[in-house]
Amino acid sequence: MSETGNQPRRRLSKAERHTQLLDVARELIRDAGTDELTLGRLAERAGVTKPLVYDHFGDRAGLLTELYRAFEDRQRDTLRTALDEVAHDLPAVAGVVAAAYIDCCLAEGRELADVVAALAGSSELSRVRQEAEEVYLATCRTALEPFCGPLDAAALHAFVGAGDALARNVLAGRIAADRARRVLARVITAITTEGTTS
């Protein structure tokens, strides 16, 4: 096991191994669904020992929570990068916020919905989702408020609700991704131009 072909195998750092295990877990969910995702199956598929997987995640709920957290991190990073490169006007910023939201949901595919469903009712997931949503919406607020003034929580949560509904419909094949991006951008523009906090 110390060599692959003629190349010696490089030992992964803890962070690299964590990322690798999350990638393999997403593959397992894509192939067999969350019901088949266990730490033992993950260890087998990743070619590592069960104790190593337990060391990274603790239990199945910990693994599912980490999968959700990784999605949220990618979504925020995608949005921040896109905002750094956009023209400073409302239609452009609304378009970037909408595209980043839809595209991140689509990149995760059904796996994200399966992870959320598997953790339904989990107080840990509720806490992680709340924290992640607050950080994401703070980024949206910072990007949009120069065009409209203060945005209240209801306006910001409307973005998320609309984005989730549109992404689900794209994943189900009911609407095209480009159409979802355009509609979400219009929702964001309408909400931001409709006004400030009330």
Protein backbone atom coordinates (compact mmCIF):
# COMPACT_ATOMS: atom_id res chain seq x y z
CA MET A 1 0.00 0.00 0.00
CA SER A 2 2.97 2.33 0.15
CA GLU A 3 3.18 2.70 -3.60
CA THR A 4 0.77 3.44 -6.39
CA GLY A 5 2.36 2.37 -9.67
CA ASN A 6 5.93 3.64 -9.44
CA GLN A 7 4.99 6.71 -7.38
CA PRO A 8 5.16 6.58 -3.58
CA ARG A 9 1.83 7.46 -1.97
CA ARG A 10 1.84 10.84 -0.29
CA ARG A 11 0.26 11.03 3.13
CA LEU A 12 -2.58 13.56 3.19
CA SER A 13 -2.70 16.29 5.80
CA LYS A 14 -5.69 16.23 8.14
CA ALA A 15 -7.35 19.07 6.17
CA GLU A 16 -6.71 17.32 2.83
CA ARG A 17 -8.07 14.04 4.22
CA HIS A 18 -11.16 15.85 5.55
CA THR A 19 -11.81 17.34 2.11
CA GLN A 20 -11.24 13.97 0.44
CA LEU A 21 -13.68 12.25 2.80
CA LEU A 22 -16.36 14.88 2.14
CA ASP A 23 -15.86 14.44 -1.62
CA VAL A 24 -16.21 10.67 -1.31
CA ALA A 25 -19.29 11.09 0.91
CA ARG A 26 -20.91 13.28 -1.79
CA GLU A 27 -20.16 10.57 -4.36
CA LEU A 28 -21.74 7.94 -2.11
CA ILE A 29 -24.88 10.05 -1.70
CA ARG A 30 -25.04 10.67 -5.45
CA ASP A 31 -24.69 6.94 -6.17
CA ALA A 32 -26.85 5.44 -3.41
CA GLY A 33 -28.60 8.19 -1.42
CA THR A 34 -28.16 9.23 2.18
CA ASP A 35 -29.78 6.07 3.56
CA GLU A 36 -26.72 4.14 2.40
CA LEU A 37 -24.23 6.66 3.81
CA THR A 38 -22.56 5.25 6.89
CA LEU A 39 -19.14 5.98 8.31
CA GLY A 40 -18.16 2.38 7.62
CA ARG A 41 -19.13 2.59 3.94
CA LEU A 42 -17.35 5.93 3.66
CA ALA A 43 -14.17 4.44 5.13
CA GLU A 44 -14.35 1.48 2.75
CA ARG A 45 -14.94 3.65 -0.31
CA ALA A 46 -12.21 6.13 0.65
CA GLY A 47 -9.73 3.33 1.37
CA VAL A 48 -9.15 4.35 4.97
CA THR A 49 -9.87 2.87 8.39
CA LYS A 50 -13.14 3.37 10.24
CA PRO A 51 -11.40 4.99 13.23
CA LEU A 52 -9.97 7.65 10.93
CA VAL A 53 -13.44 8.52 9.63
CA TYR A 54 -14.84 8.58 13.18
CA ASP A 55 -11.96 10.87 14.18
CA HIS A 56 -13.00 13.36 11.48
CA PHE A 57 -16.77 13.34 11.98
CA GLY A 58 -17.67 11.63 15.25
CA ASP A 59 -20.87 10.10 13.91
CA ARG A 60 -23.18 10.11 10.89
CA ALA A 61 -24.92 13.34 11.96
CA GLY A 62 -21.50 14.99 12.26
CA LEU A 63 -20.66 13.88 8.72
CA LEU A 64 -23.95 15.17 7.33
CA THR A 65 -23.51 18.47 9.16
CA GLU A 66 -20.00 18.85 7.72
CA LEU A 67 -21.35 18.17 4.23
CA TYR A 68 -23.88 20.95 4.72
CA ARG A 69 -21.25 23.30 6.16
CA ALA A 70 -18.96 22.67 3.15
CA PHE A 71 -21.81 23.58 0.79
CA GLU A 72 -22.44 26.84 2.63
CA ASP A 73 -18.72 27.69 2.56
CA ARG A 74 -18.58 27.12 -1.22
CA GLN A 75 -21.71 29.20 -1.72
CA ARG A 76 -20.30 32.15 0.23
CA ASP A 77 -16.91 31.92 -1.51
CA THR A 78 -18.57 31.81 -4.93
CA LEU A 79 -20.66 34.87 -4.12
CA ARG A 80 -17.74 36.87 -2.73
CA THR A 81 -15.55 36.08 -5.74
CA ALA A 82 -18.31 37.02 -8.17
CA LEU A 83 -19.03 40.27 -6.32
CA ASP A 84 -15.36 41.27 -6.54
CA GLU A 85 -15.58 41.13 -10.32
CA VAL A 86 -18.96 42.78 -10.98
CA ALA A 87 -19.81 46.29 -12.14
CA HIS A 88 -21.09 48.51 -9.37
CA ASP A 89 -24.74 48.83 -10.36
CA LEU A 90 -27.91 47.18 -9.08
CA PRO A 91 -28.78 45.01 -12.11
CA ALA A 92 -25.25 43.60 -12.25
CA VAL A 93 -25.05 42.93 -8.50
CA ALA A 94 -28.56 41.40 -8.40
CA GLY A 95 -27.59 39.18 -11.35
CA VAL A 96 -24.43 38.01 -9.62
CA VAL A 97 -26.22 37.28 -6.33
CA ALA A 98 -28.91 35.33 -8.20
CA ALA A 99 -26.47 33.39 -10.39
CA ALA A 100 -24.23 32.48 -7.45
CA TYR A 101 -27.20 31.19 -5.45
CA ILE A 102 -28.69 29.10 -8.24
CA ASP A 103 -25.35 27.82 -9.53
CA CYS A 104 -24.18 26.68 -6.10
CA CYS A 105 -27.43 24.80 -5.49
CA LEU A 106 -27.14 23.15 -8.90
CA ALA A 107 -23.49 22.23 -8.37
CA GLU A 108 -24.54 20.28 -5.27
CA GLY A 109 -27.39 18.62 -7.12
CA ARG A 110 -29.77 16.37 -5.25
CA GLU A 111 -27.08 15.57 -2.69
CA LEU A 112 -27.68 18.78 -0.74
CA ALA A 113 -31.43 18.19 -0.54
CA ASP A 114 -30.76 14.62 0.62
CA VAL A 115 -28.37 15.84 3.33
CA VAL A 116 -30.88 18.40 4.58
CA ALA A 117 -33.66 15.80 4.57
CA ALA A 118 -31.47 13.31 6.46
CA LEU A 119 -30.82 15.92 9.14
CA ALA A 120 -34.41 17.13 9.37
CA GLY A 121 -35.27 17.90 12.96
CA SER A 122 -31.64 18.03 14.02
CA SER A 123 -30.95 20.93 16.37
CA GLU A 124 -27.34 20.95 15.16
CA LEU A 125 -28.42 21.41 11.55
CA SER A 126 -30.82 24.18 12.55
CA ARG A 127 -28.00 26.00 14.31
CA VAL A 128 -25.54 25.51 11.43
CA ARG A 129 -28.13 26.62 8.86
CA GLN A 130 -29.00 29.71 10.87
CA GLU A 131 -25.35 30.70 11.27
CA ALA A 132 -24.56 30.07 7.60
CA GLU A 133 -27.63 31.95 6.41
CA GLU A 134 -26.76 34.96 8.56
CA VAL A 135 -23.25 35.15 7.11
CA TYR A 136 -24.53 34.70 3.54
CA LEU A 137 -27.23 37.34 3.96
CA ALA A 138 -24.75 39.76 5.52
CA THR A 139 -22.70 39.45 2.31
CA CYS A 140 -25.84 40.11 0.24
CA ARG A 141 -26.76 43.07 2.43
CA THR A 142 -23.30 44.62 2.04
CA ALA A 143 -23.47 44.21 -1.74
CA LEU A 144 -27.03 45.53 -2.18
CA GLU A 145 -27.52 48.27 0.41
CA PRO A 146 -25.45 50.88 -1.48
CA PHE A 147 -28.26 50.87 -4.07
CA CYS A 148 -31.28 50.83 -1.79
CA GLY A 149 -30.41 51.73 1.76
CA PRO A 150 -31.03 49.41 4.71
CA LEU A 151 -32.62 46.03 3.96
CA ASP A 152 -34.63 44.33 6.65
CA ALA A 153 -34.46 40.65 7.53
CA ALA A 154 -37.73 39.86 5.72
CA ALA A 155 -36.38 41.20 2.43
CA LEU A 156 -33.18 39.20 2.76
CA HIS A 157 -35.00 36.00 3.70
CA ALA A 158 -37.21 36.46 0.64
CA PHE A 159 -34.07 36.05 -1.51
CA VAL A 160 -33.32 32.72 0.12
CA GLY A 161 -36.91 31.46 -0.15
CA ALA A 162 -37.15 32.39 -3.81
CA GLY A 163 -33.70 30.97 -4.54
CA ASP A 164 -34.48 27.65 -2.84
CA ALA A 165 -37.79 27.27 -4.69
CA LEU A 166 -36.23 28.09 -8.06
CA ALA A 167 -33.25 25.77 -7.51
CA ARG A 168 -35.56 22.88 -6.54
CA ASN A 169 -37.55 23.38 -9.74
CA VAL A 170 -34.40 23.46 -11.88
CA LEU A 171 -33.16 20.24 -10.25
CA ALA A 172 -36.56 18.64 -10.94
CA GLY A 173 -36.32 19.69 -14.60
CA ARG A 174 -39.36 21.95 -14.46
CA ILE A 175 -37.52 25.16 -15.40
CA ALA A 176 -34.20 25.99 -17.05
CA ALA A 177 -31.28 27.20 -14.95
CA ASP A 178 -30.88 30.39 -16.98
CA ARG A 179 -34.55 31.22 -16.46
CA ALA A 180 -34.16 30.64 -12.70
CA ARG A 181 -31.16 33.00 -12.57
CA ARG A 182 -33.08 35.74 -14.43
CA VAL A 183 -36.20 35.37 -12.28
CA LEU A 184 -34.22 35.43 -9.04
CA ALA A 185 -32.33 38.53 -10.22
CA ARG A 186 -35.69 40.20 -10.88
CA VAL A 187 -36.94 39.21 -7.42
CA ILE A 188 -33.81 40.65 -5.81
CA THR A 189 -34.07 43.85 -7.86
CA ALA A 190 -37.76 44.26 -7.04
CA ILE A 191 -37.20 43.75 -3.34
CA THR A 192 -34.25 46.12 -3.17
CA THR A 193 -35.96 48.83 -5.18
CA GLU A 194 -39.24 48.37 -3.32
CA GLY A 195 -37.67 49.79 -0.37
CA THR A 196 -36.04 50.01 2.87
CA THR A 197 -36.94 48.67 6.25
CA SER A 198 -40.43 49.29 7.47
